[in-house]
Structures are given as C-alpha cells and as structure tokens.
Protein backbone atom coordinates (compact mmCIF):
# COMPACT_ATOMS: atom_id res chain seq x y z
CA MET A 1 22.95 -16.46 -29.49
CA SER A 2 20.46 -15.35 -27.15
CA SER A 3 21.16 -16.09 -23.26
CA TYR A 4 18.09 -16.55 -20.52
CA ALA A 5 17.93 -15.96 -17.05
CA PRO A 6 15.01 -17.69 -15.38
CA LEU A 7 13.01 -16.17 -12.54
CA THR A 8 11.67 -19.04 -10.00
CA ILE A 9 9.71 -18.55 -7.02
CA ASP A 10 9.89 -21.39 -4.46
CA GLY A 11 11.64 -23.40 -6.79
CA VAL A 12 8.94 -23.19 -10.06
CA GLU A 13 9.80 -20.89 -13.01
CA VAL A 14 7.18 -18.17 -13.55
CA ALA A 15 9.37 -15.95 -16.01
CA SER A 16 12.53 -15.50 -18.18
CA PHE A 17 14.45 -12.66 -19.01
CA ARG A 18 16.34 -12.90 -22.46
CA ASN A 19 19.92 -10.99 -22.84
CA GLY A 20 19.76 -9.33 -19.77
CA VAL A 21 17.39 -8.84 -16.89
CA ASP A 22 14.66 -6.53 -16.43
CA LEU A 23 15.85 -3.77 -14.32
CA SER A 24 12.90 -3.08 -12.63
CA VAL A 25 12.74 -6.54 -11.21
CA ALA A 26 16.50 -6.23 -10.38
CA LEU A 27 15.81 -3.59 -8.34
CA LEU A 28 13.91 -6.06 -6.10
CA PHE A 29 17.11 -7.64 -4.90
CA GLY A 30 19.48 -5.58 -2.75
CA PRO A 31 22.97 -4.77 -3.21
CA ARG A 32 24.44 -8.28 -1.48
CA GLU A 33 22.28 -10.53 -3.13
CA LEU A 34 23.93 -11.71 -5.92
CA HIS A 35 25.65 -14.96 -5.29
CA SER A 36 27.97 -17.05 -6.88
CA ARG A 37 29.01 -20.80 -6.58
CA PRO A 38 29.90 -24.30 -8.08
CA ALA A 39 27.58 -26.27 -10.08
CA VAL A 40 26.09 -29.40 -8.64
CA GLY A 41 24.52 -32.58 -10.02
CA ASP A 42 22.34 -32.01 -12.94
CA GLU A 43 23.69 -28.25 -13.11
CA VAL A 44 26.76 -29.42 -14.56
CA GLU A 45 25.24 -31.14 -17.57
CA ARG A 46 23.30 -27.72 -18.44
CA TRP A 47 26.10 -26.46 -19.54
CA GLU A 48 27.72 -28.25 -22.31
CA HIS A 49 29.58 -25.51 -23.73
CA TYR A 50 31.99 -25.65 -20.70
CA GLY A 51 35.16 -27.88 -20.72
CA GLU A 52 35.26 -31.35 -19.13
CA ASP A 53 37.86 -30.16 -16.89
CA GLU A 54 36.74 -26.41 -16.34
CA GLU A 55 34.72 -25.66 -13.06
CA VAL A 56 30.98 -24.48 -13.81
CA THR A 57 29.93 -21.54 -11.55
CA ILE A 58 26.48 -20.65 -11.04
CA HIS A 59 25.34 -16.70 -10.57
CA GLU A 60 22.07 -15.94 -9.15
CA LEU A 61 20.13 -13.29 -7.65
CA ILE A 62 18.51 -14.63 -4.36
CA SER A 63 16.30 -13.06 -1.78
CA THR A 64 13.56 -13.94 0.49
CA GLY A 65 9.56 -13.70 -0.27
CA VAL A 66 9.38 -11.77 2.53
CA ALA A 67 11.98 -9.23 1.44
CA VAL A 68 10.50 -8.88 -2.19
CA ARG A 69 7.23 -8.56 -0.94
CA ASP A 70 8.15 -5.75 1.44
CA ARG A 71 10.34 -3.94 -1.22
CA LEU A 72 7.15 -4.34 -3.69
CA ASP A 73 5.06 -2.74 -1.07
CA ALA A 74 7.51 0.02 -0.33
CA LEU A 75 7.79 0.98 -4.25
CA GLY A 76 3.88 0.99 -4.28
CA LEU A 77 3.33 -2.08 -6.07
CA GLY A 78 0.98 -3.71 -3.19
CA LEU A 79 -1.91 -5.96 -3.48
CA SER A 80 -4.43 -3.00 -3.64
CA LEU A 81 -2.38 -2.18 -7.21
CA ALA A 82 -2.15 -5.52 -8.16
CA GLU A 83 -5.81 -6.13 -7.91
CA GLU A 84 -6.74 -3.09 -9.87
CA VAL A 85 -4.34 -4.20 -12.66
CA PHE A 86 -5.67 -7.77 -12.38
CA ASP A 87 -9.53 -6.46 -12.89
CA GLN A 88 -8.10 -4.95 -16.04
CA LEU A 89 -6.63 -7.47 -17.69
CA ILE A 90 -9.45 -10.05 -17.25
CA ALA A 91 -12.11 -7.56 -18.64
CA GLU A 92 -9.80 -6.93 -21.42
CA GLU A 93 -9.38 -10.96 -21.88
CA LEU A 94 -13.30 -11.42 -21.56
CA GLU A 95 -13.76 -8.86 -24.24
CA THR A 96 -11.32 -10.71 -26.51
CA GLU A 97 -12.90 -13.65 -26.18
CA GLN A 98 -16.23 -12.65 -26.78
CA ARG A 99 -15.42 -10.68 -29.70
CA PHE A 100 -14.29 -14.01 -31.11
CA MET A 101 -17.63 -15.44 -30.40
CA THR A 102 -19.16 -12.92 -32.67
CA ARG A 103 -17.15 -14.18 -35.64
CA PRO A 104 -18.45 -16.22 -38.40
CA ALA A 105 -19.16 -19.86 -37.60
CA ARG A 106 -16.46 -21.79 -35.67
CA THR A 107 -16.25 -25.61 -34.89
CA LEU A 108 -18.10 -26.95 -32.17
CA GLU A 109 -14.83 -27.91 -30.40
CA ILE A 110 -13.21 -24.38 -30.71
CA THR A 111 -16.61 -22.75 -29.60
CA GLU A 112 -17.05 -25.01 -26.53
CA GLY A 113 -13.17 -23.99 -25.26
CA VAL A 114 -14.02 -20.66 -25.54
CA ASP A 115 -17.04 -20.66 -23.54
CA GLU A 116 -15.60 -22.68 -20.94
CA LYS A 117 -12.69 -19.80 -20.80
CA VAL A 118 -15.40 -16.89 -20.48
CA ARG A 119 -17.16 -18.94 -17.71
CA VAL A 120 -13.69 -19.34 -15.55
CA LEU A 121 -12.81 -15.56 -16.39
CA LYS A 122 -16.22 -14.26 -15.58
CA GLU A 123 -15.69 -16.01 -11.83
CA MET A 124 -12.04 -14.80 -11.85
CA THR A 125 -10.87 -12.26 -9.04
CA LEU A 126 -7.34 -11.62 -7.88
CA GLY A 127 -8.77 -13.55 -4.68
CA THR A 128 -10.03 -16.75 -6.78
CA TRP A 129 -6.78 -16.57 -8.53
CA ILE A 130 -4.58 -16.50 -5.53
CA ALA A 131 -6.34 -19.20 -4.07
CA ARG A 132 -6.03 -21.56 -7.41
CA VAL A 133 -2.03 -20.81 -7.57
CA ARG A 134 -1.96 -22.09 -3.96
CA GLU A 135 -3.62 -24.80 -4.68
CA LEU A 136 -1.53 -25.76 -7.72
CA TYR A 137 1.63 -25.25 -5.63
CA ARG A 138 0.47 -27.36 -2.90
CA LEU A 139 0.08 -30.30 -5.16
CA GLU A 140 2.87 -29.29 -7.10
CA ASN A 141 0.93 -29.43 -10.39
CA PHE A 142 2.90 -27.24 -12.87
CA GLU A 143 1.83 -29.36 -15.79
CA GLY A 144 -0.07 -28.35 -18.69
CA GLU A 145 0.23 -25.64 -21.48
CA SER A 146 -0.34 -22.10 -21.39
CA ARG A 147 -3.71 -22.18 -23.51
CA ASN A 148 -5.48 -24.98 -21.30
CA VAL A 149 -7.49 -22.87 -19.44
CA GLY A 150 -7.00 -23.72 -15.01
CA THR A 151 -3.65 -24.67 -15.70
CA PHE A 152 -0.41 -22.95 -14.05
CA ARG A 153 0.95 -21.72 -16.87
CA TRP A 154 -2.46 -20.36 -18.02
CA LEU A 155 -2.76 -18.44 -14.80
CA ILE A 156 0.75 -16.89 -15.11
CA GLY A 157 -0.02 -16.08 -18.94
CA LEU A 158 -2.84 -13.94 -17.61
CA TRP A 159 -0.42 -11.05 -16.44
CA GLU A 160 1.52 -11.19 -19.66
CA GLU A 161 0.36 -7.46 -20.81
CA SER A 162 1.11 -6.05 -17.22
CA ASP A 163 4.03 -5.15 -15.29
CA SER A 164 5.79 -8.64 -14.06
CA ARG A 165 6.28 -6.91 -10.61
CA LEU A 166 2.64 -6.97 -10.16
CA MET A 167 2.59 -10.85 -11.16
CA ILE A 168 5.46 -11.53 -8.70
CA ARG A 169 3.61 -9.54 -5.56
CA ALA A 170 0.42 -11.90 -6.33
CA LEU A 171 2.35 -15.05 -6.70
CA LEU A 172 4.32 -14.01 -3.02
CA ALA A 173 0.54 -13.67 -1.67
CA ALA A 174 -0.21 -17.20 -2.68
CA LEU A 175 2.86 -18.83 -1.01
CA PRO A 176 3.98 -19.15 2.36
CA GLU A 177 6.71 -16.82 3.86
CA THR A 178 9.50 -19.48 3.35
CA ALA A 179 9.22 -19.07 -0.56
CA GLU A 180 12.54 -17.91 -1.98
CA VAL A 181 13.01 -15.73 -5.10
CA ARG A 182 15.72 -16.27 -7.48
CA ILE A 183 16.98 -15.32 -10.82
CA ASP A 184 19.72 -17.32 -12.55
CA VAL A 185 22.09 -14.99 -14.24
CA THR A 186 24.52 -17.70 -15.39
CA ASP A 187 23.62 -17.73 -19.02
CA ILE A 188 23.50 -14.06 -19.15
CA VAL A 189 26.86 -13.70 -17.46
CA ASP A 190 28.26 -16.01 -19.53
CA GLY A 191 26.81 -14.57 -22.65
CA GLY A 192 28.45 -11.12 -21.99
CA TYR A 193 25.27 -9.25 -21.28
CA MET A 194 25.99 -8.97 -17.59
CA SER A 195 29.01 -8.26 -15.41
CA LEU A 196 29.69 -9.50 -12.13
CA ASP A 197 31.70 -6.17 -11.71
CA THR A 198 28.29 -4.27 -11.86
CA ASN A 199 25.57 -5.19 -9.32
CA PRO A 200 22.24 -4.85 -10.87
CA HIS A 201 20.80 -3.30 -7.74
CA ASP A 202 22.63 -0.25 -8.51
CA GLU A 203 22.40 -0.21 -12.26
CA ALA A 204 18.54 -0.29 -11.59
CA LEU A 205 18.54 2.61 -9.41
CA GLU A 206 20.71 4.74 -11.73
CA TRP A 207 18.37 3.57 -14.37
CA MET A 208 15.13 4.15 -12.71
CA GLY A 209 15.86 7.56 -11.30
CA ASP A 210 13.41 9.42 -12.91
CA GLU A 211 10.84 7.43 -12.33
CA ILE A 212 8.22 8.03 -9.13
CA ILE A 213 6.49 4.97 -8.76
CA SER A 214 9.15 2.81 -9.36
CA GLY A 215 11.83 4.81 -8.07
CA THR A 216 13.69 4.51 -4.72
CA PRO A 217 14.32 5.51 -2.26
CA VAL A 218 11.48 6.49 -0.71
CA VAL A 219 12.29 9.73 1.53
CA ILE A 220 10.90 9.51 4.86
CA LEU A 221 10.39 12.73 7.12
CA THR A 222 10.10 13.26 10.81
CA GLU A 223 9.69 15.67 13.44
CA GLY A 224 13.29 15.12 14.71
CA VAL A 225 16.67 13.99 14.58
CA SER A 226 15.64 11.24 17.29
CA ASP A 227 12.83 10.26 15.39
CA THR A 228 14.82 9.43 12.51
CA ARG A 229 17.77 7.73 14.34
CA ILE A 230 15.31 5.75 16.20
CA LEU A 231 13.22 4.53 12.72
CA GLU A 232 16.81 4.01 11.12
CA GLN A 233 17.62 1.50 14.14
CA THR A 234 14.59 -0.08 13.57
CA LEU A 235 14.88 -1.16 10.09
CA ASP A 236 18.50 -2.56 11.05
CA VAL A 237 16.55 -4.76 13.14
CA LEU A 238 13.29 -5.56 11.74
CA ARG A 239 13.67 -5.10 8.23
CA PRO A 240 17.33 -4.87 7.36
CA HIS A 241 16.16 -6.22 3.75
CA LEU A 242 14.51 -2.39 3.36
CA LYS A 243 17.97 -0.19 4.03
CA GLY A 244 18.53 1.53 0.76
CA TYR A 245 14.79 1.28 0.00
CA LEU A 246 13.56 4.35 2.60
CA CYS A 247 15.93 7.18 2.99
CA PHE A 248 16.05 9.31 5.69
CA PRO A 249 17.53 12.85 5.01
CA ASP A 250 20.18 14.31 8.02
CA PHE A 251 18.31 17.48 9.25
CA SER A 252 21.17 17.51 12.07
CA LEU A 253 21.85 20.84 11.58
CA SER A 254 18.12 22.19 11.54
CA PRO A 255 17.12 24.71 14.12
CA GLU A 256 13.93 23.09 14.84
CA SER A 257 12.41 19.84 15.66
CA ASN A 258 9.07 19.66 15.76
CA ALA A 259 5.78 19.11 14.06
CA GLY A 260 5.76 22.55 12.99
CA ALA A 261 9.07 22.51 11.03
CA LEU A 262 8.12 19.17 9.66
CA VAL A 263 4.76 20.89 7.93
CA ARG A 264 7.28 23.75 6.64
CA THR A 265 9.48 20.99 5.18
CA LEU A 266 7.12 19.24 3.65
CA LYS A 267 5.87 22.39 1.96
CA SER A 268 9.32 23.20 0.81
CA PHE A 269 10.30 19.59 -0.78
CA ALA A 270 6.62 20.11 -2.52
CA SER A 271 7.32 23.38 -4.21
CA ALA A 272 10.62 22.30 -4.93
CA GLY A 273 9.19 19.73 -7.33
CA ILE A 274 10.70 16.68 -5.56
CA ARG A 275 9.94 13.60 -7.39
CA ASN A 276 10.98 11.06 -5.08
CA ARG A 277 8.02 9.44 -3.13
CA VAL A 278 7.86 11.41 0.35
CA VAL A 279 6.36 10.51 3.46
CA ALA A 280 6.24 12.86 6.50
CA ILE A 281 5.65 10.98 9.36
CA PHE A 282 3.84 12.83 12.75
CA ASP A 283 3.63 12.21 16.05
CA ASN A 284 0.32 10.96 17.35
CA ASP A 285 -0.07 13.87 19.81
CA THR A 286 -1.80 17.33 20.31
CA ALA A 287 1.28 19.59 18.96
CA ALA A 288 1.17 17.23 15.20
CA GLU A 289 -2.64 17.90 15.42
CA ASP A 290 -2.56 21.58 15.63
CA ALA A 291 0.53 21.83 12.88
CA LEU A 292 -1.59 19.62 10.29
CA ARG A 293 -4.26 22.23 10.55
CA SER A 294 -2.25 24.55 8.31
CA LEU A 295 -1.39 21.78 5.66
CA ASP A 296 -3.99 21.13 2.98
CA LYS A 297 -3.10 17.49 2.22
CA GLU A 298 -5.17 17.54 -1.07
CA ARG A 299 -2.97 20.31 -2.34
CA LEU A 300 0.17 17.95 -1.97
CA PRO A 301 1.60 16.25 -5.03
CA ARG A 302 0.44 12.48 -5.66
CA ASN A 303 3.91 11.20 -4.33
CA PHE A 304 3.47 12.91 -1.19
CA SER A 305 2.03 11.15 1.89
CA VAL A 306 1.11 12.22 5.51
CA LEU A 307 1.32 9.59 8.24
CA ARG A 308 0.36 9.77 12.09
CA LEU A 309 2.08 7.43 14.33
CA PRO A 310 -0.44 4.98 14.71
CA ASP A 311 -2.79 4.37 17.89
CA LEU A 312 -0.63 2.18 20.35
CA PRO A 313 -2.56 -0.29 22.73
CA LEU A 314 -0.23 0.18 25.35
CA ALA A 315 -1.13 3.94 25.24
CA ALA A 316 -4.87 3.13 25.82
CA ALA A 317 -4.45 3.38 29.68
CA TYR A 318 -0.75 4.77 30.49
CA PRO A 319 0.56 6.51 33.40
CA THR A 320 -0.02 10.27 33.20
CA LEU A 321 1.10 12.86 35.62
CA GLY A 322 -0.73 16.27 36.03
CA PRO A 323 -2.17 18.37 38.98
CA SER A 324 -4.58 15.56 40.02
CA GLY A 325 -1.83 13.24 40.47
CA MET A 326 -1.02 9.98 38.95
CA VAL A 327 -3.99 8.70 36.61
CA ASP A 328 -4.36 6.18 33.85
CA MET A 329 -5.70 7.38 30.76
CA ASP A 330 -5.80 7.02 27.29
CA ILE A 331 -2.89 9.00 25.45
CA ASN A 332 -3.23 8.32 21.75
CA GLY A 333 -3.51 11.58 20.03
CA LEU A 334 -2.36 13.53 22.81
CA ALA A 335 1.14 12.55 23.64
CA GLY A 336 1.91 9.76 21.32
CA SER A 337 5.75 10.69 20.80
CA ILE A 338 8.19 8.31 19.33
CA GLU A 339 9.46 7.02 22.51
CA LEU A 340 6.16 5.48 23.74
CA TYR A 341 6.50 2.97 20.59
CA LEU A 342 10.28 1.99 21.73
CA GLY A 343 8.94 -1.54 24.10
CA GLU A 344 7.95 -1.97 27.67
CA ASP A 345 11.78 -3.14 27.87
CA VAL A 346 12.68 0.58 27.53
CA LEU A 347 9.69 2.21 28.84
CA ARG A 348 9.88 0.72 32.55
CA ASP A 349 12.32 2.24 35.07
CA GLU A 350 14.49 0.34 37.53
CA ASN A 351 11.86 -0.41 39.75
CA GLY A 352 9.57 -2.05 36.81
CA ASP A 353 7.20 1.08 36.48
CA LEU A 354 6.15 2.58 33.03
CA ARG A 355 8.08 6.33 33.03
CA PRO A 356 4.65 8.51 33.21
CA VAL A 357 3.90 11.29 30.59
CA GLN A 358 3.75 14.63 32.04
CA TRP A 359 0.99 16.86 31.00
CA ARG A 360 2.64 20.15 29.63
CA GLY A 361 -0.29 22.72 28.83
CA PHE A 362 -3.51 22.93 27.77
CA HIS A 363 -4.12 23.86 23.69
CA GLU A 364 -7.31 26.48 23.53
CA ARG A 365 -8.00 25.80 19.52
CA LEU A 366 -8.24 21.91 19.85
CA GLN A 367 -9.31 21.89 23.56
CA ARG A 368 -6.94 19.30 24.77
CA TYR A 369 -3.72 18.77 26.57
CA GLN A 370 -0.27 18.23 25.18
CA GLY A 371 1.85 15.52 27.11
CA GLU A 372 5.34 14.34 27.03
CA VAL A 373 6.90 11.01 28.46
CA VAL A 374 9.59 11.91 31.07
CA HIS A 375 13.08 10.98 30.96
CA LYS A 376 13.29 10.72 27.21
CA ARG A 377 17.13 10.68 27.55
CA GLN A 378 17.13 7.75 29.34
CA ILE A 379 14.41 6.01 27.21
CA GLN A 380 16.73 6.76 24.26
CA GLU A 381 20.10 5.39 25.97
CA ALA A 382 18.05 2.37 27.02
CA PHE A 383 16.88 1.70 23.35
CA ASP A 384 19.93 2.33 22.08
CA ALA A 385 21.40 -0.68 24.47
CA LYS A 386 18.63 -2.58 23.36
CA VAL A 387 19.51 -2.34 19.59
CA LYS A 388 23.17 -2.91 20.11
CA ALA A 389 22.04 -6.21 21.74
CA ALA A 390 19.71 -7.27 19.31
CA LEU A 391 22.20 -6.56 16.57
CA SER A 392 25.11 -8.42 18.15
CA GLU A 393 22.64 -10.99 19.25
CA GLU A 394 23.48 -10.99 22.47
CA VAL A 395 19.79 -10.77 23.03
CA PRO A 396 18.11 -11.91 20.28
CA TYR A 397 15.47 -9.43 19.13
CA THR A 398 12.56 -12.13 19.55
CA ARG A 399 13.04 -11.95 23.23
CA GLN A 400 12.74 -8.11 23.28
CA ASP A 401 9.65 -5.87 22.89
CA TRP A 402 9.51 -4.39 19.76
CA SER A 403 5.68 -4.32 19.01
CA GLY A 404 5.38 -0.59 18.92
CA LEU A 405 8.00 0.00 16.41
CA GLU A 406 6.41 -3.22 14.32
CA LEU A 407 3.21 -1.40 14.48
CA VAL A 408 4.71 1.90 13.09
CA LEU A 409 6.70 0.15 10.02
CA ASP A 410 3.52 -2.07 9.09
CA THR A 411 1.68 0.85 9.13
CA LEU A 412 4.22 2.84 7.04
CA ILE A 413 4.30 -0.43 4.55
CA LYS A 414 0.70 -0.39 3.94
CA LEU A 415 0.65 3.40 3.17
CA LEU A 416 3.21 2.85 0.49
CA ALA A 417 1.53 -0.37 -0.91
CA ALA A 418 -1.62 1.22 -1.20
CA LYS A 419 -0.17 4.81 -2.68
CA ARG A 420 0.27 5.25 -6.25
C-alpha cells in the first residue's frame, strides 16, 4: 500500500511525494525543522486506521517561505534559472500542441480547446505565470482540473517535467514573505518509508554529496580569519536558516591572511578538483584589485566564483587621514575592508565620530592609494558585543545597524542564485 506526503505552500497543496520525500526537496528544510504534534479537529478523522483510543500524531517538515527561498538561491536554483527552464517548458508544450493541430481532422470542440491553449501559451512568461498565481491565491481560487487552461492546477502542471524545486521557487516569488512551506510526512512515517530517527536533511546531504548544483554546503573563502568569523556571526543573527548551507573553512593556522593568499588558496582548490561550489570573497580595496590581476577568472571551474565586497553607501564620503589631514572622500575600491560594513554603531568612537581610514601607501601599477580603517581591534570587539546583544535579544538586531552586512549577504545570495 502506497503512502503519500503532500507539499503545501501557504496552505495550498502543490505537490505530493509517494513512499518518501524527494531528497532534493527535503534538503530545503533545516535539521531542526521536523516537528511532531497531536492531531486536531478534522486531522483525526483522516487517519481511520488508528484505534479510537489511540492518539494521532502529525509529523511535518515546516519552514518559512523566506528560509526556503534563500536556501534555493544559495543552491543556485534562483529565479533566473527558473525563468530559463520555464521558457523551455513552454516552448516544448507549444510544439506538442501545434503538432497535435496538424493531425487528421479533429472535432471542432477539441480544435477550439487547443487553439485557446496555444494562445495562452504564446503569451506565457514566468512573469505572467507569477502574476496569475498571485491573483489566484488572493481570490483563493484553486478549483478546476489540470486540463482546464488557466486554472491553478493547470499552471502548476506546466512544471511537471522539471525540477520541482524550481516550481517552488517560482511560487515563493508569487507569495508574500509570510508564506509557510510544509510537507506532511505522517503517512510515510506510519507506512515505514521514513524513520523519525533519521533527519531527512542529513539524509539528503549524504545522498547528494557528489552533486555540484544541488550539493551543499557552498564553500566560502575570505581574506582572513576575522572576515570568516564576522560572516559566520552575521549568519547567526540575520540568516540563521542558511547555517549549514554555507561553509567557512578554518584557516586559522595559515601563515598569511590577505588578498594574495586568497588567490593562491582559490587556485589550489581549483587544481584539486573541488566539486563543491566555491565563492572567494575579496575586500573592496586596492590590495584585492592588485591580487586579482594574477587570477584568470575565465579559467576557473564553473562551480567557482569570485566576489568583491560591494560598494558601500557609507563609504562614498568617509573620513580619511593622510598628509593633508582629515578629508572626506569615496573610499570604495580603495579601503573597503569588512570592518567598514559592520555598522555605524560600531564604527563610531566614544565621541560619536567615525573612525577614519588611514592611507598606508601608493600603488604604482594601479595608480591608487591603499587605505585601512584605524583601530580595527576596537571595531571588532564592539562588533562582538553587538552580536552577543542581538543573539541574547538584549538589544534586538532591528535596533542595530546591519545595513552594510545585509548588503554583503544580499550580494552573495544574488550571485549564488544566478550562478550555475
């Protein structure tokens, strides 16, 4: 006897798994997102095989739409890939329908039905699909069979021949951030197809370990130990649902921590045939620009990416200290180390002034200066205290300045979502 696990998004069933959950989808749920609870209301009546006096327990994988969206993007399954695949699916569907129209005489009713389907498909893009799904959710209109053009089931059916995770990503683009993603695994647990002793997230990681586009975690390389620690702390506060999906190797014993050392590490990883997706994050400064001159990005494996810290609005007019004294200037590309992204609440000193960038020297080849923010240790210590306060909820992170690090994470996730 078969057992089924329905997948619902915002309370609406969009897929169902037979005799187990697709491990590629199970990977979208964190290791602590398998929940059990007593059945309530109509749920009790669904399980007729339970005895009258036996308590019914519901087992579910539950995550937020935001968490699943970010995880999909981190896996490279973002909207850009969804759009590319959707266009292919529509083209194939159109070819099938148009070939059908060339067959020997059909009844007028069938011909008119195909004409309508072809007309809708010719106008269909991922954008129009998302807009239509959003409207149907708003109207709570999920009636109609999958063969009826324009119905919710028909729209979902357009993804039938593709990776179901791309359909999930497209649906999440249509729905508000409050949407919830659930898989009810009660039936497959009861049927013996899934054990509560084995977390599906861990099982998925083991099964998909050899995959590039679907495997996790993504390996994140940085210029130094402090950069890595800061990014890990930032995930703890801002995106805890991505912990385990991004991996930060420990290079604390490395004799060098700079842009040149990061280029050498990246080259060694590439030559070693590392199959994980790898992203090397460089500072937004002169030293990084110089180090990257020796790296041929076009020759890197397709699973490798290079990312510079993004231009920071705060850095567009930042106090600098040089031979001419204190001058405000744009230091993006010249002195953009990770410390500049930690927020004004840690960059300002006891007098409320921004700790300045001090120019260290002039780079002859690039014809530009290299700068570094002063009092880095005090800035990092202030950041540690800020993280501690946020995690303990002594000071909610929403009352702190995380704008710079939000920008860094958004840039990283956007890269991962677009990279194939």
